[in-house]
Protein backbone atom coordinates (compact mmCIF):
# COMPACT_ATOMS: atom_id res chain seq x y z
CA MET A 1 100.85 10.15 126.97
CA LYS A 2 102.83 10.03 123.75
CA ASN A 3 101.82 6.53 122.63
CA ILE A 4 102.75 5.18 119.20
CA LEU A 5 102.19 1.75 117.66
CA ILE A 6 104.60 0.84 114.84
CA LEU A 7 103.46 -2.04 112.65
CA ASP A 8 105.95 -3.54 110.17
CA ASP A 9 107.11 -7.09 109.52
CA VAL A 10 110.68 -5.85 109.02
CA ILE A 11 111.81 -6.13 112.64
CA THR A 12 114.93 -3.99 112.21
CA LEU A 13 112.88 -1.06 110.86
CA GLY A 14 110.48 -1.26 113.77
CA LEU A 15 113.33 -1.34 116.29
CA MET A 16 115.07 1.57 114.57
CA LEU A 17 111.95 3.75 114.69
CA LYS A 18 111.22 2.68 118.28
CA THR A 19 114.72 3.70 119.38
CA TRP A 20 114.52 7.04 117.56
CA PHE A 21 111.10 8.02 118.97
CA THR A 22 111.88 6.73 122.47
CA LYS A 23 114.88 9.06 122.66
CA ARG A 24 112.47 11.92 121.96
CA GLY A 25 110.17 11.07 124.84
CA PHE A 26 107.59 8.87 123.10
CA SER A 27 106.20 5.60 124.40
CA VAL A 28 106.48 3.09 121.54
CA ILE A 29 105.17 -0.45 121.03
CA THR A 30 105.83 -2.56 117.94
CA ALA A 31 104.05 -5.35 116.12
CA ILE A 32 104.88 -7.46 113.07
CA ASN A 33 101.38 -8.54 111.99
CA ILE A 34 97.77 -7.37 112.12
CA ALA A 35 96.71 -9.89 114.80
CA ASP A 36 99.36 -8.65 117.25
CA ALA A 37 98.56 -5.04 116.31
CA LYS A 38 94.84 -5.42 117.11
CA LYS A 39 95.67 -6.96 120.49
CA ALA A 40 98.07 -4.10 121.28
CA ILE A 41 95.51 -1.50 120.21
CA GLU A 42 92.84 -2.93 122.51
CA GLU A 43 95.24 -3.12 125.46
CA LYS A 44 97.31 0.07 125.02
CA GLN A 45 94.98 2.45 123.15
CA PRO A 46 97.75 4.27 121.22
CA ASP A 47 97.30 7.84 120.00
CA LEU A 48 98.97 7.08 116.67
CA ILE A 49 99.51 4.04 114.44
CA ILE A 50 102.30 3.95 111.85
CA SER A 51 101.64 0.92 109.65
CA ASP A 52 103.20 -0.71 106.61
CA MET A 53 100.88 -1.41 103.67
CA ARG A 54 101.90 -5.05 103.12
CA LEU A 55 101.78 -7.39 106.12
CA PRO A 56 102.01 -11.19 106.54
CA ASP A 57 98.34 -11.64 107.48
CA GLY A 58 96.67 -8.86 105.48
CA ASN A 59 97.22 -5.28 104.35
CA GLY A 60 97.20 -1.83 105.87
CA ILE A 61 93.81 -0.92 104.40
CA ASP A 62 92.14 -3.82 106.24
CA LEU A 63 93.62 -2.70 109.55
CA LEU A 64 92.78 0.96 108.83
CA LYS A 65 89.09 0.17 108.25
CA TRP A 66 88.94 -1.82 111.48
CA VAL A 67 90.65 0.99 113.45
CA LYS A 68 88.34 3.68 112.05
CA THR A 69 85.33 1.62 113.12
CA ALA A 70 86.54 0.48 116.55
CA HIS A 71 88.76 3.44 117.52
CA PRO A 72 88.00 6.43 115.26
CA ASN A 73 90.13 8.87 117.28
CA ILE A 74 93.40 7.05 116.59
CA VAL A 75 95.50 8.77 113.94
CA PHE A 76 96.72 6.44 111.19
CA ILE A 77 99.82 7.03 109.02
CA VAL A 78 100.72 4.59 106.25
CA MET A 79 104.26 3.53 105.25
CA THR A 80 104.62 2.57 101.62
CA SER A 81 107.05 2.10 98.75
CA TYR A 82 106.83 4.37 95.71
CA ALA A 83 105.24 1.54 93.70
CA ASP A 84 102.33 1.40 96.16
CA ILE A 85 101.50 5.11 96.23
CA GLN A 86 98.12 4.49 94.59
CA SER A 87 97.27 2.15 97.46
CA ALA A 88 98.37 4.87 99.88
CA VAL A 89 95.95 7.28 98.20
CA GLU A 90 93.18 4.71 98.76
CA CYS A 91 94.15 4.64 102.44
CA ILE A 92 93.85 8.43 102.63
CA ARG A 93 90.36 8.21 101.19
CA ALA A 94 89.54 5.49 103.71
CA GLY A 95 90.50 7.73 106.64
CA ALA A 96 94.29 7.60 107.02
CA TYR A 97 95.76 10.95 108.02
CA ASP A 98 98.81 10.77 105.73
CA TYR A 99 101.41 8.45 104.23
CA ILE A 100 105.20 8.37 104.10
CA GLU A 101 107.42 6.71 101.52
CA LYS A 102 110.11 4.16 102.28
CA PRO A 103 112.97 4.38 103.05
CA ILE A 104 111.63 6.17 106.11
CA ASN A 105 113.08 9.55 107.11
CA PRO A 106 112.27 9.87 110.85
CA GLU A 107 112.44 13.69 110.72
CA GLU A 108 109.86 13.77 107.93
CA LEU A 109 107.68 11.41 109.92
CA LEU A 110 107.98 13.73 112.92
CA ASP A 111 106.86 16.62 110.69
CA LYS A 112 103.74 14.70 109.72
CA ILE A 113 102.96 14.02 113.38
CA SER A 114 103.33 17.73 114.11
CA MET A 115 100.93 18.49 111.28
CA ALA A 116 98.40 16.02 112.65
CA GLU A 117 98.39 17.91 115.94
CA VAL A 118 98.21 21.37 114.40
CA THR A 119 95.26 20.44 112.19
CA GLY A 120 93.42 19.01 115.16
CA LYS A 121 93.54 15.35 114.11
CA MET A 122 94.84 14.30 117.53
CA GLU A 123 92.82 14.74 120.69
CA LYS A 124 95.95 14.42 122.82
CA PRO A 125 99.14 16.23 121.77
CA LEU A 126 102.08 14.01 120.90
CA LEU A 127 104.36 17.00 120.44
CA GLU A 128 104.49 20.33 122.21
CA VAL A 129 102.52 22.79 120.07
CA THR A 130 101.98 26.38 121.19
CA GLU A 131 98.55 27.95 121.46
CA ASN A 132 99.20 30.15 118.42
CA SER A 133 98.33 27.26 116.11
CA LYS A 134 94.78 27.21 117.46
CA LYS A 135 94.19 30.93 117.89
CA SER A 136 95.59 31.99 114.53
CA ASN A 137 93.49 29.47 112.57
CA ALA A 138 96.63 27.57 111.54
CA GLU A 139 97.76 30.44 109.28
CA PHE A 140 101.25 29.82 110.60
CA ILE A 141 102.74 26.94 112.54
CA GLN A 142 105.75 26.72 114.77
CA GLY A 143 108.90 25.26 113.31
CA ASN A 144 111.01 22.74 115.17
CA SER A 145 114.37 24.36 114.44
CA ILE A 146 116.50 25.93 117.16
CA GLU A 147 115.93 29.39 115.68
CA TYR A 148 112.14 29.12 115.80
CA ARG A 149 112.11 27.62 119.28
CA LYS A 150 114.26 30.46 120.59
CA MET A 151 111.99 33.03 118.98
CA TYR A 152 108.87 31.51 120.54
CA GLU A 153 110.57 31.46 123.93
CA TYR A 154 110.98 35.23 123.60
CA VAL A 155 107.35 35.59 122.54
CA ASN A 156 106.18 33.70 125.61
CA LEU A 157 108.49 35.79 127.79
CA VAL A 158 107.41 39.24 126.61
CA ALA A 159 103.73 38.65 125.79
CA PRO A 160 102.37 38.90 129.38
CA THR A 161 104.15 42.25 129.93
CA ASN A 162 103.19 45.71 128.68
CA LEU A 163 106.55 46.31 126.99
CA SER A 164 106.57 47.71 123.47
CA VAL A 165 107.94 45.08 121.10
CA PHE A 166 110.03 45.63 117.98
CA ILE A 167 109.79 42.74 115.50
CA LYS A 168 112.66 42.51 113.02
CA GLY A 169 112.52 40.22 110.03
CA ASN A 170 112.79 39.96 106.27
CA SER A 171 109.82 40.24 103.96
CA GLY A 172 107.48 37.25 104.12
CA VAL A 173 108.63 35.75 107.44
CA GLY A 174 105.30 36.33 109.23
CA LYS A 175 105.78 39.49 111.30
CA GLU A 176 102.06 40.18 111.68
CA HIS A 177 101.50 36.64 112.90
CA ILE A 178 104.05 37.13 115.67
CA ALA A 179 102.43 40.44 116.60
CA ARG A 180 99.02 38.73 116.80
CA LEU A 181 100.49 35.93 118.88
CA ILE A 182 101.97 38.43 121.36
CA HIS A 183 98.52 40.00 121.65
CA GLU A 184 96.76 36.65 122.07
CA LYS A 185 99.14 35.60 124.84
CA SER A 186 98.90 38.93 126.66
CA ASN A 187 96.49 40.20 129.30
CA ARG A 188 94.94 42.28 126.49
CA SER A 189 93.80 39.28 124.46
CA SER A 190 90.13 40.13 125.00
CA GLY A 191 90.74 43.61 123.56
CA PRO A 192 91.15 44.60 119.89
CA PHE A 193 94.16 43.90 117.71
CA ILE A 194 94.53 46.67 115.11
CA PRO A 195 97.11 46.16 112.32
CA VAL A 196 98.28 49.25 110.42
CA ASP A 197 100.38 49.25 107.22
CA CYS A 198 102.52 52.35 107.66
CA GLY A 199 103.83 51.96 104.12
CA ALA A 200 100.35 52.68 102.72
CA MET A 201 99.74 55.73 104.92
CA SER A 202 99.91 59.22 103.35
CA LYS A 203 101.82 61.97 105.15
CA GLU A 204 98.89 64.39 104.84
CA LEU A 205 96.30 62.06 106.41
CA SER A 206 98.48 60.21 108.92
CA ALA A 207 97.33 62.33 111.88
CA SER A 208 93.69 61.63 111.00
CA ASP A 209 94.40 57.94 110.49
CA PHE A 210 96.20 57.60 113.83
CA PHE A 211 94.24 59.97 116.07
CA GLY A 212 90.91 60.52 114.28
CA HIS A 213 89.25 63.81 113.33
CA ILE A 214 86.19 65.97 113.96
CA ARG A 215 83.67 66.62 111.24
CA GLY A 216 84.56 69.75 109.27
CA SER A 217 88.12 69.94 110.61
CA PHE A 218 89.49 69.87 107.05
CA THR A 219 88.27 69.51 103.48
CA GLY A 220 86.83 66.04 103.07
CA ALA A 221 86.12 65.51 106.79
CA ILE A 222 82.39 64.98 106.27
CA SER A 223 81.92 63.02 109.51
CA ASN A 224 83.69 62.22 112.76
CA LYS A 225 86.34 59.52 112.55
CA ARG A 226 87.91 57.29 115.16
CA GLY A 227 91.63 56.81 114.63
CA HIS A 228 93.70 53.68 115.00
CA PHE A 229 94.65 54.51 118.61
CA ALA A 230 90.99 54.87 119.66
CA GLU A 231 90.13 51.61 117.88
CA ALA A 232 92.98 49.81 119.68
CA ASP A 233 92.08 51.18 123.14
CA GLY A 234 92.43 48.36 125.65
CA GLY A 235 94.26 46.21 123.13
CA THR A 236 97.27 46.14 120.81
CA LEU A 237 98.23 48.43 117.91
CA PHE A 238 100.52 46.78 115.36
CA LEU A 239 102.50 49.20 113.20
CA ASP A 240 103.96 47.31 110.24
CA GLU A 241 106.88 48.88 108.33
CA ILE A 242 107.13 51.72 110.82
CA GLY A 243 110.26 52.97 109.07
CA ASN A 244 108.06 54.42 106.29
CA LEU A 245 106.47 57.05 108.55
CA SER A 246 107.43 60.68 107.92
CA VAL A 247 109.54 62.41 110.56
CA ASP A 248 106.60 64.71 111.45
CA THR A 249 104.35 61.72 112.05
CA GLN A 250 107.07 60.07 114.11
CA MET A 251 107.17 63.12 116.39
CA GLN A 252 103.39 63.01 116.89
CA LEU A 253 103.52 59.28 117.53
CA LEU A 254 106.26 59.68 120.15
CA ARG A 255 104.23 62.25 122.07
CA VAL A 256 101.17 59.99 122.18
CA LEU A 257 103.22 57.03 123.38
CA GLN A 258 104.73 59.15 126.14
CA GLU A 259 101.56 60.97 127.24
CA LYS A 260 99.09 58.14 126.54
CA LYS A 261 96.63 60.72 125.21
CA ILE A 262 95.42 61.57 121.72
CA LYS A 263 93.85 64.69 120.27
CA PRO A 264 91.74 64.12 117.15
CA VAL A 265 92.31 66.60 114.35
CA GLY A 266 90.05 69.60 115.02
CA ALA A 267 89.27 68.62 118.63
CA ASN A 268 89.88 70.80 121.69
CA LYS A 269 90.29 68.06 124.28
CA GLU A 270 92.70 65.19 124.62
CA ILE A 271 91.42 61.64 125.05
CA PRO A 272 93.28 59.11 127.25
CA VAL A 273 94.09 55.79 125.57
CA ASP A 274 95.45 52.50 126.86
CA VAL A 275 97.29 50.91 123.96
CA ARG A 276 100.20 48.50 123.71
CA VAL A 277 102.33 49.09 120.63
CA VAL A 278 104.04 46.34 118.62
CA VAL A 279 106.02 47.48 115.58
CA ALA A 280 107.80 45.70 112.74
CA THR A 281 110.11 46.41 109.84
CA ASN A 282 112.56 44.73 107.48
CA GLU A 283 114.58 47.95 107.24
CA ASP A 284 117.97 48.58 108.85
CA MET A 285 116.87 51.03 111.53
CA ASP A 286 120.42 51.91 112.57
CA MET A 287 121.07 53.13 109.05
CA ALA A 288 117.73 54.97 109.01
CA ILE A 289 118.68 56.78 112.23
CA VAL A 290 122.16 57.65 110.92
CA ASN A 291 120.57 59.03 107.72
CA GLY A 292 118.05 61.11 109.69
CA ARG A 293 115.03 59.19 108.35
CA PHE A 294 113.98 57.86 111.74
CA ARG A 295 114.03 59.48 115.17
CA SER A 296 116.29 57.70 117.63
CA ASP A 297 114.05 58.65 120.59
CA LEU A 298 111.03 56.99 118.95
CA PHE A 299 113.12 53.94 118.09
CA HIS A 300 114.15 53.47 121.73
CA ARG A 301 110.56 54.06 122.85
CA VAL A 302 109.13 51.27 120.66
CA ASN A 303 112.15 48.98 121.08
CA GLU A 304 111.75 48.01 124.72
CA PHE A 305 112.09 44.38 123.61
CA MET A 306 113.26 43.10 120.21
CA ILE A 307 112.34 39.82 118.54
CA HIS A 308 114.14 38.59 115.41
CA ILE A 309 112.19 36.25 113.11
CA PRO A 310 114.49 33.80 111.29
CA THR A 311 114.49 33.43 107.53
CA LEU A 312 113.30 30.19 105.96
CA GLU A 313 116.78 29.64 104.51
CA ASN A 314 118.19 29.53 108.04
CA CYS A 315 115.59 26.97 109.16
CA LYS A 316 115.67 24.50 106.28
CA GLU A 317 114.81 21.56 108.51
CA ASP A 318 111.33 23.11 108.85
CA ILE A 319 110.64 23.45 105.11
CA SER A 320 108.94 20.06 104.79
CA LEU A 321 106.70 20.81 107.78
CA PHE A 322 105.65 24.20 106.38
CA ALA A 323 105.18 22.83 102.84
CA HIS A 324 102.81 20.08 104.03
CA HIS A 325 100.95 22.62 106.19
CA PHE A 326 100.39 24.92 103.21
CA LEU A 327 99.36 21.95 101.05
CA LYS A 328 96.63 20.97 103.47
CA LYS A 329 95.49 24.59 103.57
CA ALA A 330 95.49 24.72 99.77
CA ASN A 331 93.39 21.54 99.59
CA THR A 332 90.78 23.20 101.78
CA GLU A 333 90.73 26.58 100.04
CA ILE A 334 90.80 25.44 96.40
CA ASN A 335 88.91 22.17 96.91
CA LYS A 336 91.71 19.80 95.90
CA ASN A 337 92.83 16.47 97.35
CA VAL A 338 96.59 16.49 96.80
CA ILE A 339 98.31 14.00 99.10
CA GLY A 340 101.91 15.20 99.22
CA PHE A 341 105.20 15.82 97.39
CA ASP A 342 107.61 13.38 95.80
CA GLU A 343 111.07 13.09 97.34
CA LYS A 344 112.86 15.06 94.60
CA THR A 345 110.52 18.03 94.99
CA LEU A 346 111.15 18.18 98.71
CA GLN A 347 114.90 17.90 98.10
CA LEU A 348 114.77 20.89 95.74
CA PHE A 349 112.70 22.81 98.28
CA GLN A 350 115.52 22.14 100.77
CA ILE A 351 118.18 23.48 98.38
CA TYR A 352 116.32 26.60 97.23
CA HIS A 353 117.06 29.83 99.15
CA TRP A 354 113.45 31.16 99.47
CA PRO A 355 114.05 34.94 99.33
CA GLY A 356 110.32 35.48 99.90
CA ASN A 357 110.37 33.19 102.94
CA LEU A 358 107.09 31.63 104.14
CA ARG A 359 104.98 33.83 101.88
CA GLU A 360 106.86 32.59 98.81
CA LEU A 361 106.66 28.95 99.94
CA LYS A 362 102.92 29.28 100.49
CA ASN A 363 102.37 30.82 97.05
CA VAL A 364 104.45 28.11 95.36
CA VAL A 365 102.61 25.28 97.13
CA PHE A 366 99.20 26.78 96.33
CA ARG A 367 100.14 27.14 92.64
CA LEU A 368 101.42 23.57 92.40
CA ALA A 369 98.36 22.21 94.20
CA LEU A 370 96.10 24.09 91.79
CA VAL A 371 97.73 22.88 88.55
CA THR A 372 98.63 19.29 89.43
CA GLN A 373 96.49 16.51 88.03
CA ASP A 374 98.14 13.84 90.17
CA PRO A 375 97.71 13.00 93.87
CA ILE A 376 101.42 13.71 94.32
CA ILE A 377 103.22 16.95 93.38
CA LYS A 378 106.13 15.81 91.21
CA LEU A 379 109.39 17.57 90.41
CA GLU A 380 108.61 17.95 86.70
CA LEU A 381 105.63 20.14 87.60
CA LEU A 382 108.04 22.83 88.76
CA ARG A 383 109.70 23.12 85.34
CA GLU A 384 106.77 25.00 83.77
CA ASN A 385 105.10 26.45 86.84
CA VAL A 386 108.03 27.56 89.04
CA PRO A 387 111.06 27.68 86.72
CA ALA A 388 113.03 29.91 89.11
CA ILE A 389 113.11 27.05 91.60
CA PHE A 390 113.49 24.25 89.06
CA HIS A 391 116.56 25.92 87.47
CA TYR A 392 117.92 27.25 90.75
CA ASP A 393 121.72 27.69 90.75
CA HIS A 394 122.93 27.53 94.34
CA ASN A 395 126.49 28.62 93.55
CA LYS A 396 125.37 31.64 91.52
CA VAL A 397 123.10 32.86 94.31
CA LYS A 398 125.84 32.33 96.88
CA THR A 399 128.16 34.57 94.82
CA SER A 400 125.42 37.19 94.53
CA LYS A 401 124.97 37.19 98.32
CA GLU A 402 128.68 37.65 98.85
CA MET A 403 128.66 40.67 96.52
CA GLN A 404 125.71 42.12 98.40
CA GLU A 405 127.51 41.66 101.72
CA LYS A 406 130.61 43.38 100.35
CA ILE A 407 128.51 46.36 99.25
CA GLN A 408 126.86 46.57 102.69
CA ILE A 409 130.25 46.62 104.41
CA GLU A 410 131.54 49.33 102.09
CA GLU A 411 128.41 51.43 102.68
CA ALA A 412 128.71 51.04 106.46
CA LEU A 413 132.38 52.08 106.38
CA SER A 414 131.48 55.11 104.29
CA LYS A 415 128.67 56.21 106.62
CA ALA A 416 130.91 55.66 109.65
CA LYS A 417 133.71 57.66 107.95
CA ASN A 418 135.92 54.57 108.10
CA ASN A 419 135.44 54.19 111.86
CA LYS A 420 135.61 50.40 112.19
CA SER A 421 133.86 50.27 115.57
CA LYS A 422 130.93 52.35 114.32
CA ALA A 423 130.72 50.39 111.07
CA ALA A 424 130.63 47.12 113.01
CA GLU A 425 127.75 48.48 115.11
CA LEU A 426 125.83 49.45 111.98
CA LEU A 427 126.32 45.92 110.62
CA HIS A 428 125.45 44.24 113.95
CA ILE A 429 128.78 42.40 114.08
CA ASP A 430 131.90 42.76 116.22
CA ARG A 431 135.15 44.40 115.07
CA LYS A 432 136.94 41.08 114.73
CA THR A 433 134.27 39.75 112.35
CA LEU A 434 134.34 43.00 110.39
CA TYR A 435 138.11 42.76 109.85
CA LYS A 436 137.78 39.14 108.70
CA ARG A 437 135.12 40.02 106.14
CA MET A 438 137.07 43.06 104.94
CA SER A 439 140.03 40.76 104.34
CA LEU A 440 137.81 38.17 102.61
CA TYR A 441 136.40 40.74 100.20
CA ASN A 442 139.69 42.65 99.73
CA ILE A 443 138.27 45.85 101.19
CA ASP A 444 141.01 48.37 101.91
CA ASN A 445 141.67 49.23 105.55
């Protein structure tokens, strides 16, 4: 059951939150004082309590201490004004999961509930959280945006099959996480997951790296070596940045995927392998094929099912959720006890365009958590430590993006020899959209 107790002596606030959560499938009870709250807790056993700090017959800390003694599994979130943040910090130290400032933003509160589930603070899930949060050690959590939900629907759909999956996404969006999740949800989950960075692979040693070699087969082969395919036998082989492979290596890779057999360098016999391949890139593969840098037959072989990972800029409603997740992770890894972010910092996070996506957000949060001397990360901290975000000019970046899009359209038209249909295909848009953008950027027909 999704049971929440909301405790606040402002009746209108309690009713507002009750209406909002009820529409999202929660079961909500309200109380206006500690006496009524204790009675409701004993009778209803809620999963979560959201309580104001100042109440007519006591304060939130008193109730928190009672709850942690009588019902330690109930998650406790404190509502407070900015002036009472120090009291909220005391509540955290006394066992509260988190706090939220007034005026209450229900979406932010929902983010905190999601975080409580992901970090294992709730025995019973209040929100639907996929298994990836548990199996991937909370390295990455699922966003609540439409884009993320659609992506995870595709993951759940393709994971149980043996189809090769092509993951497309910008740098820093978490492509390896999605590959691992596909493996963990597949029938191969008990087998190995072998990630390979194709960008770091040399052309001369790629055959040895992929297929292994026999001792003495070439200079430097001082012992037998198992290749990536042999290591991934019975499991999943993840090829990151596959577009960086040489054409010769692509040809060898295609043959292995078709024949399901490998021949180590210097060996006389082929070895059968049972490997599922998941690949990823942030490169425009259509352009790579047109330019002759990537084989079209290999592309179609590894692209039996494609998954697009959204950018953080396109899922801004999830930024607060991800930021708090990374903050909790930072607290654990660098031994800090930072409680949260002030409102202005989160607002700037919402405005910023995050070109490095989740990786950039994680790095920023870790840096701020490391240098802050306060329990709250404040906006001024960004001035010296992350000036690119603090001085971010939204309009300037927007203009830069428009110039980049114009250049991409002109390049596509050039490669397609001004064939509008072909150029539209290269850009992954329809002809009508192409003509509109050509008109917008004054590109000659």
